[in-house]
PDB file of N, CA and C in Angstrom:
ATOM      1  N   MET A   1       0.633  -0.963   0.628  1.00  0.00           N
ATOM      2  CA  MET A   1      -0.048   0.106   0.058  1.00  0.00           C
ATOM      3  C   MET A   1       0.976   1.093   0.140  1.00  0.00           C
ATOM      4  N   ALA A   2       0.350   2.201  -0.373  1.00  0.00           N
ATOM      5  CA  ALA A   2       1.030   3.502  -0.434  1.00  0.00           C
ATOM      6  C   ALA A   2       0.913   4.160   0.786  1.00  0.00           C
ATOM      7  N   ASN A   3       2.003   4.750   1.310  1.00  0.00           N
ATOM      8  CA  ASN A   3       2.229   5.660   2.253  1.00  0.00           C
ATOM      9  C   ASN A   3       1.688   6.915   2.136  1.00  0.00           C
ATOM     10  N   LYS A   4       1.301   7.830   3.251  1.00  0.00           N
ATOM     11  CA  LYS A   4       0.873   8.628   3.229  1.00  0.00           C
ATOM     12  C   LYS A   4       1.694   9.891   4.134  1.00  0.00           C
ATOM     13  N   LEU A   5       1.437  11.137   4.021  1.00  0.00           N
ATOM     14  CA  LEU A   5       2.095  11.999   4.965  1.00  0.00           C
ATOM     15  C   LEU A   5       1.086  12.825   5.541  1.00  0.00           C
ATOM     16  N   ARG A   6       1.353  12.922   6.995  1.00  0.00           N
ATOM     17  CA  ARG A   6       0.198  14.004   7.729  1.00  0.00           C
ATOM     18  C   ARG A   6       0.675  14.835   7.853  1.00  0.00           C
ATOM     19  N   ILE A   7       0.128  16.035   7.471  1.00  0.00           N
ATOM     20  CA  ILE A   7       1.203  17.546   7.693  1.00  0.00           C
ATOM     21  C   ILE A   7      -0.031  18.426   8.191  1.00  0.00           C
ATOM     22  N   LYS A   8       0.692  18.976   9.453  1.00  0.00           N
ATOM     23  CA  LYS A   8      -0.254  19.828  10.309  1.00  0.00           C
ATOM     24  C   LYS A   8       0.732  21.078  10.209  1.00  0.00           C
ATOM     25  N   TYR A   9      -0.467  22.485  10.293  1.00  0.00           N
ATOM     26  CA  TYR A   9       0.075  23.500   9.812  1.00  0.00           C
ATOM     27  C   TYR A   9       0.301  24.263  11.422  1.00  0.00           C
ATOM     28  N   VAL A  10       1.617  24.356  11.547  1.00  0.00           N
ATOM     29  CA  VAL A  10       1.996  25.039  13.396  1.00  0.00           C
ATOM     30  C   VAL A  10       2.522  26.228  13.430  1.00  0.00           C
ATOM     31  N   LYS A  11       2.969  26.839  12.063  1.00  0.00           N
ATOM     32  CA  LYS A  11       3.408  27.942  12.589  1.00  0.00           C
ATOM     33  C   LYS A  11       3.216  29.092  11.573  1.00  0.00           C
ATOM     34  N   SER A  12       2.679  30.239  11.639  1.00  0.00           N
ATOM     35  CA  SER A  12       1.971  31.258  10.628  1.00  0.00           C
ATOM     36  C   SER A  12       3.038  31.560   9.594  1.00  0.00           C
ATOM     37  N   ALA A  13       2.241  31.917   8.441  1.00  0.00           N
ATOM     38  CA  ALA A  13       3.339  32.238   7.551  1.00  0.00           C
ATOM     39  C   ALA A  13       3.405  33.685   6.864  1.00  0.00           C
ATOM     40  N   ILE A  14       2.721  34.501   8.138  1.00  0.00           N
ATOM     41  CA  ILE A  14       2.802  35.915   8.206  1.00  0.00           C
ATOM     42  C   ILE A  14       4.563  36.345   8.211  1.00  0.00           C
ATOM     43  N   GLY A  15       4.726  37.319   7.347  1.00  0.00           N
ATOM     44  CA  GLY A  15       6.411  37.510   7.483  1.00  0.00           C
ATOM     45  C   GLY A  15       7.279  36.891   6.545  1.00  0.00           C
ATOM     46  N   TYR A  16       6.493  36.031   5.733  1.00  0.00           N
ATOM     47  CA  TYR A  16       7.258  34.821   5.082  1.00  0.00           C
ATOM     48  C   TYR A  16       6.899  35.200   3.578  1.00  0.00           C
ATOM     49  N   ASN A  17       7.977  34.685   2.975  1.00  0.00           N
ATOM     50  CA  ASN A  17       7.811  34.787   0.986  1.00  0.00           C
ATOM     51  C   ASN A  17       6.585  34.337   0.779  1.00  0.00           C
ATOM     52  N   GLU A  18       5.952  35.025  -0.339  1.00  0.00           N
ATOM     53  CA  GLU A  18       4.764  34.857  -0.782  1.00  0.00           C
ATOM     54  C   GLU A  18       4.633  33.516  -1.645  1.00  0.00           C
ATOM     55  N   ASN A  19       5.590  32.936  -2.124  1.00  0.00           N
ATOM     56  CA  ASN A  19       5.838  31.762  -2.778  1.00  0.00           C
ATOM     57  C   ASN A  19       5.472  30.701  -1.322  1.00  0.00           C
ATOM     58  N   GLN A  20       6.032  30.729   0.137  1.00  0.00           N
ATOM     59  CA  GLN A  20       5.801  29.834   1.162  1.00  0.00           C
ATOM     60  C   GLN A  20       4.483  29.967   1.553  1.00  0.00           C
ATOM     61  N   LYS A  21       3.860  31.277   1.415  1.00  0.00           N
ATOM     62  CA  LYS A  21       2.119  31.201   1.366  1.00  0.00           C
ATOM     63  C   LYS A  21       1.443  30.231   0.648  1.00  0.00           C
ATOM     64  N   ARG A  22       1.806  30.467  -0.774  1.00  0.00           N
ATOM     65  CA  ARG A  22       1.293  29.590  -1.518  1.00  0.00           C
ATOM     66  C   ARG A  22       1.535  28.395  -1.615  1.00  0.00           C
ATOM     67  N   THR A  23       2.408  27.522  -1.180  1.00  0.00           N
ATOM     68  CA  THR A  23       3.216  26.458  -0.958  1.00  0.00           C
ATOM     69  C   THR A  23       2.135  25.747   0.147  1.00  0.00           C
ATOM     70  N   ILE A  24       1.586  26.582   0.883  1.00  0.00           N
ATOM     71  CA  ILE A  24       0.817  26.149   2.142  1.00  0.00           C
ATOM     72  C   ILE A  24      -0.115  26.222   1.925  1.00  0.00           C
ATOM     73  N   ALA A  25      -0.788  27.224   0.982  1.00  0.00           N
ATOM     74  CA  ALA A  25      -2.400  26.632   0.238  1.00  0.00           C
ATOM     75  C   ALA A  25      -2.296  25.790  -0.563  1.00  0.00           C
ATOM     76  N   ALA A  26      -1.506  25.423  -1.569  1.00  0.00           N
ATOM     77  CA  ALA A  26      -1.365  24.484  -2.351  1.00  0.00           C
ATOM     78  C   ALA A  26      -1.020  22.951  -1.824  1.00  0.00           C
ATOM     79  N   LEU A  27      -0.751  22.774  -0.499  1.00  0.00           N
ATOM     80  CA  LEU A  27      -1.197  21.749   0.393  1.00  0.00           C
ATOM     81  C   LEU A  27      -2.096  21.487   0.923  1.00  0.00           C
ATOM     82  N   GLY A  28      -2.880  22.394   0.571  1.00  0.00           N
ATOM     83  CA  GLY A  28      -4.490  22.424   1.436  1.00  0.00           C
ATOM     84  C   GLY A  28      -4.679  22.814   2.866  1.00  0.00           C
ATOM     85  N   LEU A  29      -3.794  23.357   3.045  1.00  0.00           N
ATOM     86  CA  LEU A  29      -3.934  24.238   4.738  1.00  0.00           C
ATOM     87  C   LEU A  29      -4.145  25.703   4.654  1.00  0.00           C
ATOM     88  N   HIS A  30      -4.980  25.903   5.359  1.00  0.00           N
ATOM     89  CA  HIS A  30      -5.831  27.233   5.302  1.00  0.00           C
ATOM     90  C   HIS A  30      -5.419  28.030   6.779  1.00  0.00           C
ATOM     91  N   HIS A  31      -5.627  27.319   7.643  1.00  0.00           N
ATOM     92  CA  HIS A  31      -5.627  27.934   9.233  1.00  0.00           C
ATOM     93  C   HIS A  31      -4.661  27.229  10.110  1.00  0.00           C
ATOM     94  N   LEU A  32      -4.230  27.842  10.924  1.00  0.00           N
ATOM     95  CA  LEU A  32      -3.292  27.368  11.887  1.00  0.00           C
ATOM     96  C   LEU A  32      -4.031  25.924  12.377  1.00  0.00           C
ATOM     97  N   GLY A  33      -3.049  24.784  12.699  1.00  0.00           N
ATOM     98  CA  GLY A  33      -3.737  23.961  13.451  1.00  0.00           C
ATOM     99  C   GLY A  33      -4.235  22.699  12.168  1.00  0.00           C
ATOM    100  N   ASP A  34      -4.739  23.004  11.402  1.00  0.00           N
ATOM    101  CA  ASP A  34      -5.204  22.443   9.982  1.00  0.00           C
ATOM    102  C   ASP A  34      -4.238  21.204  10.015  1.00  0.00           C
ATOM    103  N   THR A  35      -5.145  19.941   9.455  1.00  0.00           N
ATOM    104  CA  THR A  35      -4.255  18.714   9.433  1.00  0.00           C
ATOM    105  C   THR A  35      -4.836  18.288   8.049  1.00  0.00           C
ATOM    106  N   VAL A  36      -3.697  18.015   7.235  1.00  0.00           N
ATOM    107  CA  VAL A  36      -4.225  17.097   6.085  1.00  0.00           C
ATOM    108  C   VAL A  36      -3.481  15.936   5.785  1.00  0.00           C
ATOM    109  N   GLU A  37      -3.748  14.978   4.825  1.00  0.00           N
ATOM    110  CA  GLU A  37      -3.375  13.815   4.920  1.00  0.00           C
ATOM    111  C   GLU A  37      -2.759  13.913   2.986  1.00  0.00           C
ATOM    112  N   GLN A  38      -1.684  13.717   2.291  1.00  0.00           N
ATOM    113  CA  GLN A  38      -1.545  13.963   1.327  1.00  0.00           C
ATOM    114  C   GLN A  38      -0.457  12.327   0.625  1.00  0.00           C
ATOM    115  N   GLU A  39      -0.666  12.105  -0.647  1.00  0.00           N
ATOM    116  CA  GLU A  39       0.167  11.020  -1.085  1.00  0.00           C
ATOM    117  C   GLU A  39       1.712  10.951  -0.312  1.00  0.00           C
ATOM    118  N   ASP A  40       2.570  10.250  -0.484  1.00  0.00           N
ATOM    119  CA  ASP A  40       4.029  10.291  -0.342  1.00  0.00           C
ATOM    120  C   ASP A  40       4.675  10.031  -1.399  1.00  0.00           C
ATOM    121  N   ASN A  41       4.892  11.620  -2.100  1.00  0.00           N
ATOM    122  CA  ASN A  41       5.615  11.484  -3.354  1.00  0.00           C
ATOM    123  C   ASN A  41       6.624  12.205  -3.680  1.00  0.00           C
ATOM    124  N   SER A  42       7.481  12.338  -4.402  1.00  0.00           N
ATOM    125  CA  SER A  42       8.483  13.530  -4.638  1.00  0.00           C
ATOM    126  C   SER A  42       7.791  14.941  -4.671  1.00  0.00           C
ATOM    127  N   VAL A  43       6.572  15.207  -5.390  1.00  0.00           N
ATOM    128  CA  VAL A  43       6.278  16.651  -5.548  1.00  0.00           C
ATOM    129  C   VAL A  43       5.949  17.048  -4.230  1.00  0.00           C
ATOM    130  N   ILE A  44       5.233  15.960  -3.409  1.00  0.00           N
ATOM    131  CA  ILE A  44       4.782  16.857  -2.026  1.00  0.00           C
ATOM    132  C   ILE A  44       5.969  16.902  -0.959  1.00  0.00           C
ATOM    133  N   ARG A  45       6.886  16.157  -0.925  1.00  0.00           N
ATOM    134  CA  ARG A  45       8.079  16.161  -0.296  1.00  0.00           C
ATOM    135  C   ARG A  45       8.958  17.454  -0.636  1.00  0.00           C
ATOM    136  N   GLY A  46       8.899  17.719  -1.810  1.00  0.00           N
ATOM    137  CA  GLY A  46       9.373  19.159  -2.034  1.00  0.00           C
ATOM    138  C   GLY A  46       8.915  20.062  -1.507  1.00  0.00           C
ATOM    139  N   MET A  47       7.284  20.275  -1.578  1.00  0.00           N
ATOM    140  CA  MET A  47       6.574  21.386  -1.127  1.00  0.00           C
ATOM    141  C   MET A  47       7.087  21.451   0.526  1.00  0.00           C
ATOM    142  N   VAL A  48       6.651  20.203   1.257  1.00  0.00           N
ATOM    143  CA  VAL A  48       7.017  19.933   2.495  1.00  0.00           C
ATOM    144  C   VAL A  48       8.544  20.493   2.795  1.00  0.00           C
ATOM    145  N   HIS A  49       9.207  20.311   1.929  1.00  0.00           N
ATOM    146  CA  HIS A  49      10.275  20.936   2.593  1.00  0.00           C
ATOM    147  C   HIS A  49      10.702  22.201   2.515  1.00  0.00           C
ATOM    148  N   LYS A  50      10.269  22.735   1.527  1.00  0.00           N
ATOM    149  CA  LYS A  50      10.018  24.233   1.041  1.00  0.00           C
ATOM    150  C   LYS A  50       9.458  25.102   2.623  1.00  0.00           C
ATOM    151  N   VAL A  51       8.455  24.290   3.218  1.00  0.00           N
ATOM    152  CA  VAL A  51       7.839  24.924   4.283  1.00  0.00           C
ATOM    153  C   VAL A  51       8.163  24.329   5.637  1.00  0.00           C
ATOM    154  N   GLN A  52       9.010  23.614   5.484  1.00  0.00           N
ATOM    155  CA  GLN A  52       9.792  22.859   6.875  1.00  0.00           C
ATOM    156  C   GLN A  52       9.687  23.445   7.825  1.00  0.00           C
ATOM    157  N   HIS A  53       9.624  24.890   7.766  1.00  0.00           N
ATOM    158  CA  HIS A  53       9.491  25.544   9.534  1.00  0.00           C
ATOM    159  C   HIS A  53       8.352  25.600   9.655  1.00  0.00           C
ATOM    160  N   LEU A  54       7.524  25.875   9.237  1.00  0.00           N
ATOM    161  CA  LEU A  54       5.929  25.957   9.208  1.00  0.00           C
ATOM    162  C   LEU A  54       5.047  24.762   9.630  1.00  0.00           C
ATOM    163  N   VAL A  55       5.645  23.854   9.407  1.00  0.00           N
ATOM    164  CA  VAL A  55       4.576  22.212   9.026  1.00  0.00           C
ATOM    165  C   VAL A  55       5.289  21.372  10.171  1.00  0.00           C
ATOM    166  N   ARG A  56       4.644  20.559  10.677  1.00  0.00           N
ATOM    167  CA  ARG A  56       4.956  19.357  11.219  1.00  0.00           C
ATOM    168  C   ARG A  56       4.677  18.155  10.179  1.00  0.00           C
ATOM    169  N   VAL A  57       5.340  17.285  10.238  1.00  0.00           N
ATOM    170  CA  VAL A  57       5.326  15.998   9.501  1.00  0.00           C
ATOM    171  C   VAL A  57       5.403  14.669   9.967  1.00  0.00           C
ATOM    172  N   GLU A  58       4.406  13.593   9.509  1.00  0.00           N
ATOM    173  CA  GLU A  58       4.317  12.504   9.790  1.00  0.00           C
ATOM    174  C   GLU A  58       4.089  11.141   8.950  1.00  0.00           C
ATOM    175  N   GLU A  59       4.754   9.974   8.874  1.00  0.00           N
ATOM    176  CA  GLU A  59       4.805   9.442   7.891  1.00  0.00           C
ATOM    177  C   GLU A  59       3.123   8.297   8.245  1.00  0.00           C
ATOM    178  N   VAL A  60       2.249   7.974   7.578  1.00  0.00           N
ATOM    179  CA  VAL A  60       1.301   7.265   8.056  1.00  0.00           C
ATOM    180  C   VAL A  60       0.986   5.978   7.009  1.00  0.00           C
ATOM    181  N   GLU A  61       0.469   4.867   7.360  1.00  0.00           N
ATOM    182  CA  GLU A  61       0.526   3.921   6.403  1.00  0.00           C
ATOM    183  C   GLU A  61      -1.232   4.037   6.206  1.00  0.00           C
ATOM    184  N   ALA A  62      -1.122   3.804   4.802  1.00  0.00           N
ATOM    185  CA  ALA A  62      -2.514   3.843   4.289  1.00  0.00           C
ATOM    186  C   ALA A  62      -3.216   2.753   4.734  1.00  0.00           C
TER     187      ALA A  62
END
């Protein structure tokens, strides 16, 4: 089975680059404390790496 990543928005993007704000939105996160599950692939991993200081990530078995 494919693994998933559970991504939680833990720090505000206020004061950060607009590209980072857009990356947060593209991950499906809108408000602090939001949690989403995304497929574990290189695209999502790259997005998470770009905003790693704003989110917490854990791997989840699907």
